[in-house]
Amino acid sequence: MQPWYQTLEEKIKKCKKCPLHTGRQNPVVGEGSLEAEVMFIGEAPGRWEDIKGKPFVGQAGKLLDSLLQEAGLSRKEIYITNVVKCRPPGNRDPRKAEIEACRPYLDEQIIRIKPKIIVCLGRHSLKEVFRKAGLRPPRITDARGKPVNARVLGIPVIILPTLHPAAALYNPNVKSLLQEDFKLLKALLKGASQKRLS
């Protein structure tokens, strides 16, 4: 593990910048390759993530794993994190102040890892990443599946908004939309690797 990441983990474990630290079992820093070309950013840890200290380990995580497989990816190749690193009570949406408190941590992850593609999982992720790119965030239903070339914190990236995998657990139609978006991700990655070879 790289020294910067160990330092970041320690900061997040000790963080008391917002009230979420009072109810957490474990903060969820993130997981995966620190040289990943693709970074997935979700919204906030859920119950199982809080218990295990890892992102996307519940039912939504199982769906994410199968979507990654369809795109020819594994968790070891990507990096995955959340906008907020501690679980909001009852899995409610993260609040503005909580997102702001965690912002420097996510900024550092993006700046250090320098992904080529950022996949926004859900509306809170979309809002935060578009804000970092200096873009006005559209509605997730309008933006999903439409890649955007942008500079996020000065880094040239393709932003790919999609729906949160948890939404597919309650609405089967969402699963087919996610599958479409992950097919697109596969094509974007293929295009990026062909550019490197040419």
C-alpha atoms as a PDB file:
ATOM      1  CA  MET A   1       0.000   0.000   0.000  1.00  0.00           C
ATOM      2  CA  GLN A   2       1.265   3.467  -0.857  1.00  0.00           C
ATOM      3  CA  PRO A   3       2.164   5.834   2.024  1.00  0.00           C
ATOM      4  CA  TRP A   4      -0.331   8.502   0.952  1.00  0.00           C
ATOM      5  CA  TYR A   5      -3.130   5.932   1.156  1.00  0.00           C
ATOM      6  CA  GLN A   6      -2.149   4.752   4.626  1.00  0.00           C
ATOM      7  CA  THR A   7      -2.167   8.389   5.784  1.00  0.00           C
ATOM      8  CA  LEU A   8      -5.594   8.944   4.208  1.00  0.00           C
ATOM      9  CA  GLU A   9      -6.994   5.807   5.867  1.00  0.00           C
ATOM     10  CA  GLU A  10      -5.730   7.001   9.253  1.00  0.00           C
ATOM     11  CA  LYS A  11      -7.289  10.450   8.748  1.00  0.00           C
ATOM     12  CA  ILE A  12     -10.658   8.926   7.846  1.00  0.00           C
ATOM     13  CA  LYS A  13     -10.576   6.474  10.761  1.00  0.00           C
ATOM     14  CA  LYS A  14      -9.970   9.368  13.178  1.00  0.00           C
ATOM     15  CA  CYS A  15     -12.338  11.800  11.439  1.00  0.00           C
ATOM     16  CA  LYS A  16     -14.947  13.575  13.571  1.00  0.00           C
ATOM     17  CA  LYS A  17     -15.793  16.402  11.152  1.00  0.00           C
ATOM     18  CA  CYS A  18     -19.493  15.486  10.988  1.00  0.00           C
ATOM     19  CA  PRO A  19     -21.962  13.639  13.272  1.00  0.00           C
ATOM     20  CA  LEU A  20     -21.825  10.418  11.192  1.00  0.00           C
ATOM     21  CA  HIS A  21     -18.743   9.238  13.093  1.00  0.00           C
ATOM     22  CA  THR A  22     -20.850   8.765  16.241  1.00  0.00           C
ATOM     23  CA  GLY A  23     -22.941   5.960  14.737  1.00  0.00           C
ATOM     24  CA  ARG A  24     -20.426   4.146  12.578  1.00  0.00           C
ATOM     25  CA  GLN A  25     -18.886   0.743  13.210  1.00  0.00           C
ATOM     26  CA  ASN A  26     -16.291   1.204  10.469  1.00  0.00           C
ATOM     27  CA  PRO A  27     -15.577   4.000   8.022  1.00  0.00           C
ATOM     28  CA  VAL A  28     -15.423   2.802   4.422  1.00  0.00           C
ATOM     29  CA  VAL A  29     -12.418   4.394   2.740  1.00  0.00           C
ATOM     30  CA  GLY A  30     -12.536   2.472  -0.534  1.00  0.00           C
ATOM     31  CA  GLU A  31     -11.060  -0.597  -2.178  1.00  0.00           C
ATOM     32  CA  GLY A  32      -9.199  -1.667  -5.284  1.00  0.00           C
ATOM     33  CA  SER A  33      -6.229  -0.706  -7.416  1.00  0.00           C
ATOM     34  CA  LEU A  34      -4.519   2.617  -6.718  1.00  0.00           C
ATOM     35  CA  GLU A  35      -3.555   2.636 -10.415  1.00  0.00           C
ATOM     36  CA  ALA A  36      -7.094   1.960 -11.655  1.00  0.00           C
ATOM     37  CA  GLU A  37      -8.232   3.408 -14.953  1.00  0.00           C
ATOM     38  CA  VAL A  38     -11.837   3.253 -13.743  1.00  0.00           C
ATOM     39  CA  MET A  39     -13.065   4.726 -10.462  1.00  0.00           C
ATOM     40  CA  PHE A  40     -16.575   3.967  -9.251  1.00  0.00           C
ATOM     41  CA  ILE A  41     -18.061   6.480  -6.830  1.00  0.00           C
ATOM     42  CA  GLY A  42     -21.181   5.532  -4.902  1.00  0.00           C
ATOM     43  CA  GLU A  43     -23.159   7.583  -2.419  1.00  0.00           C
ATOM     44  CA  ALA A  44     -22.579   6.277   1.117  1.00  0.00           C
ATOM     45  CA  PRO A  45     -21.937   2.988   2.928  1.00  0.00           C
ATOM     46  CA  GLY A  46     -24.923   0.848   3.862  1.00  0.00           C
ATOM     47  CA  ARG A  47     -25.416  -1.599   6.729  1.00  0.00           C
ATOM     48  CA  TRP A  48     -23.092  -4.355   5.471  1.00  0.00           C
ATOM     49  CA  GLU A  49     -20.456  -1.887   4.352  1.00  0.00           C
ATOM     50  CA  ASP A  50     -20.476  -0.346   7.849  1.00  0.00           C
ATOM     51  CA  ILE A  51     -20.068  -3.805   9.428  1.00  0.00           C
ATOM     52  CA  LYS A  52     -17.255  -4.944   7.134  1.00  0.00           C
ATOM     53  CA  GLY A  53     -15.551  -1.610   6.395  1.00  0.00           C
ATOM     54  CA  LYS A  54     -15.628  -2.340   2.651  1.00  0.00           C
ATOM     55  CA  PRO A  55     -17.652  -0.753  -0.181  1.00  0.00           C
ATOM     56  CA  PHE A  56     -20.498  -2.557  -1.949  1.00  0.00           C
ATOM     57  CA  VAL A  57     -20.549  -5.853  -0.040  1.00  0.00           C
ATOM     58  CA  GLY A  58     -24.332  -6.287   0.356  1.00  0.00           C
ATOM     59  CA  GLN A  59     -26.928  -7.245  -2.273  1.00  0.00           C
ATOM     60  CA  ALA A  60     -26.117  -4.153  -4.366  1.00  0.00           C
ATOM     61  CA  GLY A  61     -22.471  -5.222  -4.243  1.00  0.00           C
ATOM     62  CA  LYS A  62     -23.312  -8.667  -5.632  1.00  0.00           C
ATOM     63  CA  LEU A  63     -25.125  -7.021  -8.525  1.00  0.00           C
ATOM     64  CA  LEU A  64     -22.169  -4.667  -9.079  1.00  0.00           C
ATOM     65  CA  ASP A  65     -19.815  -7.669  -9.209  1.00  0.00           C
ATOM     66  CA  SER A  66     -21.924  -9.343 -11.910  1.00  0.00           C
ATOM     67  CA  LEU A  67     -22.081  -6.073 -13.906  1.00  0.00           C
ATOM     68  CA  LEU A  68     -18.287  -5.723 -13.659  1.00  0.00           C
ATOM     69  CA  GLN A  69     -17.893  -9.281 -14.903  1.00  0.00           C
ATOM     70  CA  GLU A  70     -20.097  -8.495 -17.907  1.00  0.00           C
ATOM     71  CA  ALA A  71     -17.830  -5.514 -18.649  1.00  0.00           C
ATOM     72  CA  GLY A  72     -14.752  -7.749 -18.426  1.00  0.00           C
ATOM     73  CA  LEU A  73     -13.561  -6.166 -15.168  1.00  0.00           C
ATOM     74  CA  SER A  74     -12.801  -7.371 -11.669  1.00  0.00           C
ATOM     75  CA  ARG A  75     -12.684  -5.480  -8.376  1.00  0.00           C
ATOM     76  CA  LYS A  76      -8.894  -5.805  -8.323  1.00  0.00           C
ATOM     77  CA  GLU A  77      -8.638  -3.704 -11.516  1.00  0.00           C
ATOM     78  CA  ILE A  78     -10.920  -0.857 -10.473  1.00  0.00           C
ATOM     79  CA  TYR A  79     -11.111   1.476  -7.496  1.00  0.00           C
ATOM     80  CA  ILE A  80     -14.407   1.930  -5.701  1.00  0.00           C
ATOM     81  CA  THR A  81     -15.375   4.425  -3.022  1.00  0.00           C
ATOM     82  CA  ASN A  82     -18.248   6.640  -1.881  1.00  0.00           C
ATOM     83  CA  VAL A  83     -18.949  10.357  -1.627  1.00  0.00           C
ATOM     84  CA  VAL A  84     -19.457   9.885   2.138  1.00  0.00           C
ATOM     85  CA  LYS A  85     -17.218   7.475   4.051  1.00  0.00           C
ATOM     86  CA  CYS A  86     -19.503   6.706   7.044  1.00  0.00           C
ATOM     87  CA  ARG A  87     -22.989   5.214   7.029  1.00  0.00           C
ATOM     88  CA  PRO A  88     -25.887   7.663   7.418  1.00  0.00           C
ATOM     89  CA  PRO A  89     -28.448   6.382   9.985  1.00  0.00           C
ATOM     90  CA  GLY A  90     -31.093   4.120   8.493  1.00  0.00           C
ATOM     91  CA  ASN A  91     -29.413   4.383   5.084  1.00  0.00           C
ATOM     92  CA  ARG A  92     -30.873   7.859   4.554  1.00  0.00           C
ATOM     93  CA  ASP A  93     -29.373  10.121   1.880  1.00  0.00           C
ATOM     94  CA  PRO A  94     -26.151  11.876   2.879  1.00  0.00           C
ATOM     95  CA  ARG A  95     -26.698  15.511   3.892  1.00  0.00           C
ATOM     96  CA  LYS A  96     -24.945  18.505   2.364  1.00  0.00           C
ATOM     97  CA  ALA A  97     -22.753  19.106   5.451  1.00  0.00           C
ATOM     98  CA  GLU A  98     -21.718  15.434   5.512  1.00  0.00           C
ATOM     99  CA  ILE A  99     -20.765  15.507   1.831  1.00  0.00           C
ATOM    100  CA  GLU A 100     -18.764  18.699   2.416  1.00  0.00           C
ATOM    101  CA  ALA A 101     -16.959  17.173   5.415  1.00  0.00           C
ATOM    102  CA  CYS A 102     -15.873  14.162   3.340  1.00  0.00           C
ATOM    103  CA  ARG A 103     -15.049  16.164   0.193  1.00  0.00           C
ATOM    104  CA  PRO A 104     -11.269  16.498   0.812  1.00  0.00           C
ATOM    105  CA  TYR A 105     -10.946  12.714   1.149  1.00  0.00           C
ATOM    106  CA  LEU A 106     -12.651  12.001  -2.170  1.00  0.00           C
ATOM    107  CA  ASP A 107     -10.673  14.823  -3.809  1.00  0.00           C
ATOM    108  CA  GLU A 108      -7.419  13.220  -2.697  1.00  0.00           C
ATOM    109  CA  GLN A 109      -8.495   9.811  -3.970  1.00  0.00           C
ATOM    110  CA  ILE A 110      -9.275  11.256  -7.420  1.00  0.00           C
ATOM    111  CA  ILE A 111      -6.107  13.381  -7.603  1.00  0.00           C
ATOM    112  CA  ARG A 112      -3.794  10.549  -6.516  1.00  0.00           C
ATOM    113  CA  ILE A 113      -5.366   7.702  -8.514  1.00  0.00           C
ATOM    114  CA  LYS A 114      -5.946   9.800 -11.664  1.00  0.00           C
ATOM    115  CA  PRO A 115      -8.621   7.569 -13.249  1.00  0.00           C
ATOM    116  CA  LYS A 116      -9.406   7.843 -16.946  1.00  0.00           C
ATOM    117  CA  ILE A 117     -13.100   7.090 -16.348  1.00  0.00           C
ATOM    118  CA  ILE A 118     -15.247   7.977 -13.331  1.00  0.00           C
ATOM    119  CA  VAL A 119     -18.502   6.030 -13.072  1.00  0.00           C
ATOM    120  CA  CYS A 120     -21.042   7.892 -10.925  1.00  0.00           C
ATOM    121  CA  LEU A 121     -23.328   5.419  -9.167  1.00  0.00           C
ATOM    122  CA  GLY A 122     -26.454   7.403  -8.337  1.00  0.00           C
ATOM    123  CA  ARG A 123     -27.490  11.036  -8.098  1.00  0.00           C
ATOM    124  CA  HIS A 124     -25.382  12.149  -5.125  1.00  0.00           C
ATOM    125  CA  SER A 125     -22.244  10.896  -6.826  1.00  0.00           C
ATOM    126  CA  LEU A 126     -23.271  12.551 -10.095  1.00  0.00           C
ATOM    127  CA  LYS A 127     -23.874  15.911  -8.345  1.00  0.00           C
ATOM    128  CA  GLU A 128     -20.533  15.797  -6.541  1.00  0.00           C
ATOM    129  CA  VAL A 129     -18.436  14.763  -9.562  1.00  0.00           C
ATOM    130  CA  PHE A 130     -20.101  17.278 -11.887  1.00  0.00           C
ATOM    131  CA  ARG A 131     -19.519  19.981  -9.267  1.00  0.00           C
ATOM    132  CA  LYS A 132     -15.811  19.071  -9.169  1.00  0.00           C
ATOM    133  CA  ALA A 133     -15.753  19.396 -12.978  1.00  0.00           C
ATOM    134  CA  GLY A 134     -17.379  22.846 -12.829  1.00  0.00           C
ATOM    135  CA  LEU A 135     -20.462  21.509 -14.630  1.00  0.00           C
ATOM    136  CA  ARG A 136     -24.105  21.935 -13.788  1.00  0.00           C
ATOM    137  CA  PRO A 137     -25.372  18.517 -12.679  1.00  0.00           C
ATOM    138  CA  PRO A 138     -28.295  17.162 -14.725  1.00  0.00           C
ATOM    139  CA  ARG A 139     -30.921  14.783 -13.358  1.00  0.00           C
ATOM    140  CA  ILE A 140     -29.597  11.238 -13.108  1.00  0.00           C
ATOM    141  CA  THR A 141     -32.435   9.917 -15.282  1.00  0.00           C
ATOM    142  CA  ASP A 142     -31.440  12.363 -18.067  1.00  0.00           C
ATOM    143  CA  ALA A 143     -27.679  11.841 -17.657  1.00  0.00           C
ATOM    144  CA  ARG A 144     -27.351   8.075 -17.280  1.00  0.00           C
ATOM    145  CA  GLY A 145     -25.554   6.307 -20.074  1.00  0.00           C
ATOM    146  CA  LYS A 146     -24.271   9.570 -21.585  1.00  0.00           C
ATOM    147  CA  PRO A 147     -20.480   9.912 -21.217  1.00  0.00           C
ATOM    148  CA  VAL A 148     -19.116  13.417 -20.622  1.00  0.00           C
ATOM    149  CA  ASN A 149     -15.526  14.477 -21.332  1.00  0.00           C
ATOM    150  CA  ALA A 150     -14.437  16.792 -18.538  1.00  0.00           C
ATOM    151  CA  ARG A 151     -11.624  17.877 -16.259  1.00  0.00           C
ATOM    152  CA  VAL A 152     -12.263  16.779 -12.695  1.00  0.00           C
ATOM    153  CA  LEU A 153      -9.919  18.554 -10.265  1.00  0.00           C
ATOM    154  CA  GLY A 154      -7.691  19.286 -13.267  1.00  0.00           C
ATOM    155  CA  ILE A 155      -7.574  15.641 -14.421  1.00  0.00           C
ATOM    156  CA  PRO A 156      -8.985  14.807 -17.892  1.00  0.00           C
ATOM    157  CA  VAL A 157     -11.625  12.101 -17.423  1.00  0.00           C
ATOM    158  CA  ILE A 158     -14.714  10.616 -18.988  1.00  0.00           C
ATOM    159  CA  ILE A 159     -17.623  10.852 -16.541  1.00  0.00           C
ATOM    160  CA  LEU A 160     -20.149   8.052 -17.006  1.00  0.00           C
ATOM    161  CA  PRO A 161     -23.284   8.576 -14.901  1.00  0.00           C
ATOM    162  CA  THR A 162     -25.430   5.558 -14.156  1.00  0.00           C
ATOM    163  CA  LEU A 163     -28.046   4.495 -11.635  1.00  0.00           C
ATOM    164  CA  HIS A 164     -27.160   3.129  -8.233  1.00  0.00           C
ATOM    165  CA  PRO A 165     -27.152  -0.704  -8.186  1.00  0.00           C
ATOM    166  CA  ALA A 166     -29.329  -0.624  -5.036  1.00  0.00           C
ATOM    167  CA  ALA A 167     -32.157   0.829  -7.167  1.00  0.00           C
ATOM    168  CA  ALA A 168     -32.203  -2.411  -9.199  1.00  0.00           C
ATOM    169  CA  LEU A 169     -33.010  -4.403  -6.057  1.00  0.00           C
ATOM    170  CA  TYR A 170     -36.397  -2.658  -5.886  1.00  0.00           C
ATOM    171  CA  ASN A 171     -37.003  -2.105  -9.600  1.00  0.00           C
ATOM    172  CA  PRO A 172     -36.078  -4.899 -12.062  1.00  0.00           C
ATOM    173  CA  ASN A 173     -36.212  -2.439 -15.019  1.00  0.00           C
ATOM    174  CA  VAL A 174     -33.207  -0.636 -13.555  1.00  0.00           C
ATOM    175  CA  LYS A 175     -31.051  -3.755 -13.967  1.00  0.00           C
ATOM    176  CA  SER A 176     -31.378  -3.681 -17.762  1.00  0.00           C
ATOM    177  CA  LEU A 177     -30.440   0.039 -17.785  1.00  0.00           C
ATOM    178  CA  LEU A 178     -27.371  -0.720 -15.673  1.00  0.00           C
ATOM    179  CA  GLN A 179     -26.413  -3.546 -18.036  1.00  0.00           C
ATOM    180  CA  GLU A 180     -26.630  -1.102 -20.971  1.00  0.00           C
ATOM    181  CA  ASP A 181     -24.389   1.391 -19.159  1.00  0.00           C
ATOM    182  CA  PHE A 182     -21.808  -1.252 -18.267  1.00  0.00           C
ATOM    183  CA  LYS A 183     -21.713  -2.378 -21.916  1.00  0.00           C
ATOM    184  CA  LEU A 184     -20.963   1.236 -22.757  1.00  0.00           C
ATOM    185  CA  LEU A 185     -18.230   1.279 -20.108  1.00  0.00           C
ATOM    186  CA  LYS A 186     -16.671  -1.778 -21.775  1.00  0.00           C
ATOM    187  CA  ALA A 187     -16.680   0.060 -25.126  1.00  0.00           C
ATOM    188  CA  LEU A 188     -15.174   3.201 -23.553  1.00  0.00           C
ATOM    189  CA  LEU A 189     -12.371   1.145 -22.020  1.00  0.00           C
ATOM    190  CA  LYS A 190     -11.707  -0.575 -25.337  1.00  0.00           C
ATOM    191  CA  GLY A 191     -11.529   2.829 -27.029  1.00  0.00           C
ATOM    192  CA  ALA A 192      -9.130   4.130 -24.363  1.00  0.00           C
ATOM    193  CA  SER A 193      -6.794   1.132 -24.743  1.00  0.00           C
ATOM    194  CA  GLN A 194      -6.802   1.439 -28.566  1.00  0.00           C
ATOM    195  CA  LYS A 195      -5.821   5.134 -28.211  1.00  0.00           C
ATOM    196  CA  ARG A 196      -2.860   4.113 -26.029  1.00  0.00           C
ATOM    197  CA  LEU A 197      -1.723   1.520 -28.595  1.00  0.00           C
ATOM    198  CA  SER A 198      -1.998   3.846 -31.598  1.00  0.00           C
END
